[in-house]
Protein backbone atom coordinates (compact mmCIF):
# COMPACT_ATOMS: atom_id res chain seq x y z
CA MET A 1 -15.24 2.69 14.53
CA ASN A 2 -14.95 5.05 11.54
CA PHE A 3 -12.13 5.19 9.00
CA ARG A 4 -10.58 8.40 10.40
CA VAL A 5 -10.17 6.78 13.81
CA LEU A 6 -8.70 3.68 12.15
CA THR A 7 -6.17 5.87 10.38
CA ILE A 8 -5.12 7.51 13.62
CA PHE A 9 -4.52 4.10 15.18
CA MET A 10 -2.46 2.94 12.20
CA VAL A 11 -0.30 6.06 12.30
CA ILE A 12 0.18 5.53 16.04
CA GLY A 13 1.24 1.99 15.23
CA LEU A 14 3.94 3.17 12.85
CA ILE A 15 5.18 5.58 15.52
CA LEU A 16 5.27 2.78 18.08
CA ILE A 17 7.36 0.62 15.75
CA SER A 18 9.80 3.52 15.40
CA GLN A 19 9.97 3.81 19.18
CA ILE A 20 10.74 0.12 19.46
CA ASP A 21 13.60 0.59 17.00
CA ALA A 22 14.96 3.50 19.02
CA GLN A 23 14.84 1.40 22.18
CA ARG A 24 16.57 -1.44 20.37
CA LYS A 25 19.45 0.81 19.29
CA LYS A 26 20.04 1.90 22.89
CA SER A 27 20.23 -1.64 24.20
CA SER A 28 21.71 -3.56 21.26
CA ARG A 29 24.91 -5.58 21.63
CA LYS A 30 27.46 -6.26 18.93
CA GLY A 31 27.84 -9.78 17.69
CA LYS A 32 24.33 -10.88 18.57
CA LYS A 33 21.43 -11.32 16.19
CA ASP A 34 18.79 -8.75 17.03
CA PRO A 35 15.25 -10.20 16.80
CA CYS A 36 13.85 -6.67 17.18
CA HIS A 37 15.67 -5.07 14.25
CA LEU A 38 13.39 -3.26 11.84
CA LYS A 39 14.55 -5.68 9.16
CA GLU A 40 12.02 -8.03 10.76
CA ILE A 41 9.30 -5.60 9.68
CA ASP A 42 10.74 -5.69 6.16
CA VAL A 43 10.17 -9.45 6.24
CA CYS A 44 6.52 -8.81 7.11
CA ILE A 45 6.15 -6.32 4.26
CA GLY A 46 7.91 -8.70 1.90
CA LYS A 47 5.13 -11.25 2.29
CA VAL A 48 2.69 -8.79 0.75
CA GLN A 49 5.14 -7.42 -1.80
CA ALA A 50 5.63 -10.97 -3.11
CA LEU A 51 2.15 -10.71 -4.65
CA GLY A 52 3.55 -8.17 -7.13
CA LYS A 53 6.28 -10.54 -8.34
CA ARG A 54 3.85 -12.83 -10.09
CA LYS A 55 3.70 -12.85 -13.88
CA GLU A 56 0.26 -11.18 -13.87
CA PRO A 57 -0.28 -9.93 -10.31
CA SER A 58 -3.56 -8.13 -11.01
CA VAL A 59 -5.21 -11.42 -12.02
CA LEU A 60 -5.61 -11.93 -8.26
CA ILE A 61 -8.45 -9.41 -8.13
CA ALA A 62 -10.46 -11.27 -10.76
CA SER A 63 -11.39 -14.44 -8.84
CA ASN A 64 -12.48 -15.75 -5.46
CA ASP A 65 -9.20 -17.63 -5.05
CA GLY A 66 -7.23 -14.52 -5.93
CA LEU A 67 -9.03 -12.37 -3.37
CA ASN A 68 -8.44 -15.09 -0.80
CA THR A 69 -4.72 -14.93 -1.58
CA ILE A 70 -4.67 -11.13 -1.14
CA CYS A 71 -6.65 -11.33 2.07
CA LYS A 72 -4.37 -14.01 3.50
CA ALA A 73 -1.29 -11.92 2.69
CA ILE A 74 -2.69 -8.84 4.42
CA LYS A 75 -4.82 -10.28 7.23
CA GLN A 76 -2.55 -13.17 8.20
CA ASP A 77 0.95 -12.81 6.80
CA LEU A 78 1.33 -9.03 7.24
CA SER A 79 -0.95 -8.26 10.19
CA LYS A 80 0.06 -11.26 12.28
CA CYS A 81 3.72 -10.78 11.42
CA VAL A 82 3.68 -7.17 12.64
CA LYS A 83 1.61 -8.14 15.66
CA ASN A 84 4.12 -10.85 16.61
CA PHE A 85 7.00 -8.40 16.20
CA ILE A 86 5.39 -5.93 18.59
CA LYS A 87 4.45 -8.72 21.01
CA ARG A 88 8.09 -9.81 21.06
CA CYS A 89 9.71 -6.38 21.14
CA GLY A 90 7.17 -3.83 22.40
CA THR A 91 6.03 -2.55 25.75
CA PRO A 92 2.60 -3.46 27.21
CA LEU A 93 1.24 -0.22 25.68
CA HIS A 94 2.66 -1.14 22.25
CA LYS A 95 1.00 -4.55 22.49
CA GLU A 96 -2.38 -3.17 23.51
CA VAL A 97 -2.46 -0.60 20.70
CA SER A 98 -1.17 -3.06 18.09
CA ASP A 99 -3.96 -5.50 18.93
CA LEU A 100 -6.51 -2.76 18.34
CA ILE A 101 -4.84 -1.70 15.07
CA VAL A 102 -4.75 -5.22 13.65
CA ASP A 103 -8.37 -5.84 14.64
CA GLN A 104 -9.49 -2.66 12.90
CA ILE A 105 -7.50 -3.47 9.76
CA ASP A 106 -9.20 -6.85 9.60
CA ASN A 107 -12.62 -5.21 10.02
CA SER A 108 -11.98 -2.57 7.34
CA ILE A 109 -11.20 -5.13 4.63
CA SER A 110 -13.78 -7.70 5.69
CA ARG A 111 -16.21 -6.63 2.97
CA PHE A 112 -13.83 -8.01 0.35
CA CYS A 113 -12.47 -10.92 2.37
CA ASP A 114 -15.76 -12.34 3.60
CA PRO A 115 -17.00 -14.75 0.88
CA ASN A 116 -20.60 -14.08 1.89
CA ASN A 117 -20.42 -10.28 1.78
CA PRO A 118 -22.45 -8.70 -1.09
CA GLN A 119 -19.71 -6.11 -1.65
CA ARG A 120 -17.29 -8.86 -2.58
CA HIS A 121 -19.77 -10.28 -5.10
CA LYS A 122 -20.22 -6.83 -6.66
CA PHE A 123 -16.47 -6.43 -6.95
CA LEU A 124 -15.96 -9.85 -8.55
CA LYS A 125 -18.59 -8.97 -11.14
CA GLU A 126 -16.48 -6.02 -12.35
CA SER A 127 -12.91 -7.02 -11.48
CA PRO A 128 -12.27 -9.41 -14.43
CA CYS A 129 -12.76 -6.47 -16.80
CA ILE A 130 -10.54 -4.25 -14.63
CA HIS A 131 -7.77 -6.85 -14.73
CA LYS A 132 -8.05 -7.72 -18.42
CA LYS A 133 -8.78 -4.32 -19.97
CA VAL A 134 -6.80 -2.08 -17.63
CA PHE A 135 -4.08 -3.58 -15.43
CA SER A 136 -2.93 -6.12 -18.03
CA THR A 137 -2.55 -3.54 -20.78
CA GLU A 138 0.62 -1.86 -21.99
CA ILE A 139 -0.96 1.58 -21.73
CA TYR A 140 -1.46 1.06 -17.98
CA LYS A 141 2.05 -0.33 -17.51
CA GLN A 142 3.68 2.49 -19.46
CA THR A 143 1.66 5.33 -17.93
CA CYS A 144 -0.02 4.80 -14.55
CA ASN A 145 2.29 2.06 -13.30
CA ASN A 146 5.57 3.42 -14.66
CA ASN A 147 4.95 7.01 -13.57
CA PHE A 148 4.27 6.00 -9.97
CA LEU A 149 7.31 3.75 -9.72
CA ALA A 150 9.41 6.56 -11.25
CA THR A 151 8.21 8.69 -8.32
CA VAL A 152 9.47 6.02 -5.93
CA ASP A 153 12.84 6.10 -7.73
CA LYS A 154 13.04 9.86 -7.35
CA ILE A 155 12.48 9.70 -3.60
CA ASP A 156 15.20 7.08 -3.19
CA SER A 157 17.68 8.93 -5.41
CA GLU A 158 17.47 12.29 -3.61
CA GLU A 159 19.70 12.25 -0.54
CA HIS A 160 18.65 13.99 2.68
CA LEU A 161 15.14 14.63 1.38
CA GLU A 162 13.04 16.56 3.89
CA ALA A 163 10.14 14.64 5.39
CA ASP A 164 7.54 17.11 4.09
CA ARG A 165 8.91 16.88 0.56
CA THR A 166 8.99 13.08 0.74
CA HIS A 167 5.37 13.08 1.91
CA THR A 168 4.34 15.45 -0.87
CA THR A 169 6.19 13.46 -3.54
CA ILE A 170 4.79 10.05 -2.64
CA CYS A 171 1.26 11.41 -2.17
CA CYS A 172 1.30 13.28 -5.48
CA GLY A 173 2.65 10.16 -7.17
CA TYR A 174 0.03 7.95 -5.54
CA ASN A 175 -2.84 10.26 -6.49
CA LYS A 176 -1.55 10.51 -10.04
CA TRP A 177 -1.53 6.70 -10.26
CA ASP A 178 -5.00 6.50 -8.69
CA GLU A 179 -6.40 9.13 -11.05
CA CYS A 180 -4.80 7.48 -14.08
CA SER A 181 -6.07 4.00 -13.11
CA LYS A 182 -9.62 5.16 -12.46
CA LYS A 183 -9.74 7.05 -15.76
CA LEU A 184 -8.80 3.89 -17.65
CA ILE A 185 -11.25 1.79 -15.62
CA THR A 186 -14.11 4.17 -16.37
CA LYS A 187 -13.26 4.21 -20.07
CA GLU A 188 -12.85 0.46 -20.48
CA CYS A 189 -15.25 -1.01 -17.89
CA GLY A 190 -17.82 1.67 -17.03
CA LYS A 191 -19.05 3.62 -14.01
CA ASP A 192 -20.10 0.59 -11.92
CA ALA A 193 -16.56 -0.77 -12.21
CA PHE A 194 -15.15 2.64 -11.22
CA ASP A 195 -17.40 2.85 -8.15
CA ILE A 196 -16.62 -0.60 -6.78
CA TYR A 197 -12.90 -0.24 -7.52
CA ALA A 198 -12.82 3.12 -5.71
CA ASP A 199 -14.35 1.41 -2.69
CA PHE A 200 -11.85 -1.45 -2.91
CA VAL A 201 -8.73 0.72 -3.17
CA GLY A 202 -9.91 3.68 -1.13
CA GLU A 203 -12.23 2.70 1.69
CA ALA A 204 -11.21 -0.92 2.30
CA PHE A 205 -7.55 -1.57 1.55
CA GLY A 206 -6.26 1.98 1.20
CA THR A 207 -7.73 3.73 4.23
CA LEU A 208 -4.41 5.05 5.52
CA THR A 209 -3.21 6.02 2.06
CA LYS A 210 -6.42 7.91 1.37
CA MET A 211 -6.23 9.78 4.67
CA ILE A 212 -2.55 10.75 4.55
CA CYS A 213 -2.76 11.63 0.84
CA PRO A 214 -6.14 13.39 0.41
CA ALA A 215 -6.65 14.32 -3.23
CA LYS A 216 -7.70 17.90 -2.47
CA PHE A 217 -4.34 18.60 -0.79
CA PHE A 218 -2.18 16.58 -3.18
CA ALA A 219 -3.97 17.22 -6.45
CA VAL A 220 -1.83 16.32 -9.47
CA LYS A 221 -2.52 19.65 -11.19
CA LYS A 222 -1.35 21.72 -8.21
CA SER A 223 2.02 23.44 -8.49
CA SER A 224 3.20 21.63 -5.36
CA CYS A 225 2.81 18.33 -7.21
CA LYS A 226 4.19 19.57 -10.49
CA ASP A 227 7.33 20.69 -8.66
CA VAL A 228 8.12 17.25 -7.23
CA LEU A 229 6.83 14.68 -9.73
CA PRO A 230 9.16 13.24 -12.39
CA LYS A 231 8.29 13.99 -15.99
CA ASP A 232 5.94 11.60 -17.75
CA GLY A 233 7.78 8.86 -19.59
CA VAL A 234 10.81 8.69 -17.29
CA LYS A 235 11.63 4.98 -17.20
CA ALA A 236 11.19 3.52 -13.72
CA LYS A 237 13.48 0.91 -12.22
CA GLY A 238 10.44 -1.05 -11.10
CA LYS A 239 11.65 -1.58 -7.55
CA LEU A 240 10.00 -1.31 -4.14
CA GLY A 241 12.17 1.53 -2.85
CA ASP A 242 13.96 2.08 0.45
CA ASN A 243 11.82 4.78 2.03
CA ALA A 244 9.43 3.52 4.73
CA LEU A 245 6.41 5.40 3.37
CA THR A 246 6.96 4.23 -0.20
CA LYS A 247 7.37 0.67 1.06
CA TYR A 248 3.99 0.87 2.77
CA VAL A 249 2.14 2.30 -0.23
CA VAL A 250 3.75 0.11 -2.88
CA SER A 251 3.56 -3.06 -0.80
CA LEU A 252 -0.09 -2.65 0.10
CA PHE A 253 -1.06 -2.50 -3.57
CA SER A 254 1.78 -4.66 -4.91
CA PHE A 255 -0.71 -6.84 -6.81
CA LEU A 256 -1.66 -3.81 -8.93
CA PHE A 257 1.92 -2.95 -9.92
CA ILE A 258 4.35 -4.62 -12.28
CA PHE A 259 7.82 -5.07 -10.79
CA ASP A 260 11.04 -6.00 -12.55
CA GLU A 261 12.74 -9.13 -11.28
């Protein structure tokens, strides 16, 4: 199954979760704990976001053990958590589609989670440099990292933001971070490091992000992005954010961001 089909299934999955929440609101009773509240999904996301609360979260990409930790958080903690939520709260259709979504997520990241896959070995050859010379540096934290998290802050601070504008803002912010990161990686670690990192972030772990935020539509230099992005240097709060889309994007790559405690 190709990545575009995978993306469609993941989007459907998010829609199904929203439907479950709508059904829950219709049938909820006061005074009783609701096991199908969307806060349960926040718990699932939190297991991945916890990776970003480490002292040096990006060190995870630089070793076999670190990749195993990332893979466990996504393949087991997040995927199984969401799957159990839908199994408990969804309809038979929800359950069938969620099984397919989780299976495809697992397949898409298998190249970096399978210890015998050559792609993983190629990544681990370059990732120590990416961690040490890019993600651990102040220039990354003060530019790429800070500017994206400032975008998250802007979305959360603007009340009644239209869905299209929210989508544009987070996608422009994500692509600006991606562009900034890759520029530093190329400069400090070379083209081979850029290529394998692009595969890691784009094709394996960031399939949905790449498809809903294509660079040609949300190019940083376009006026549509310039109109919504915060100015460079605006100090970010360093938080996850409350918007569902920002939670997904930031959580999925939490080990590449620096969060305040």
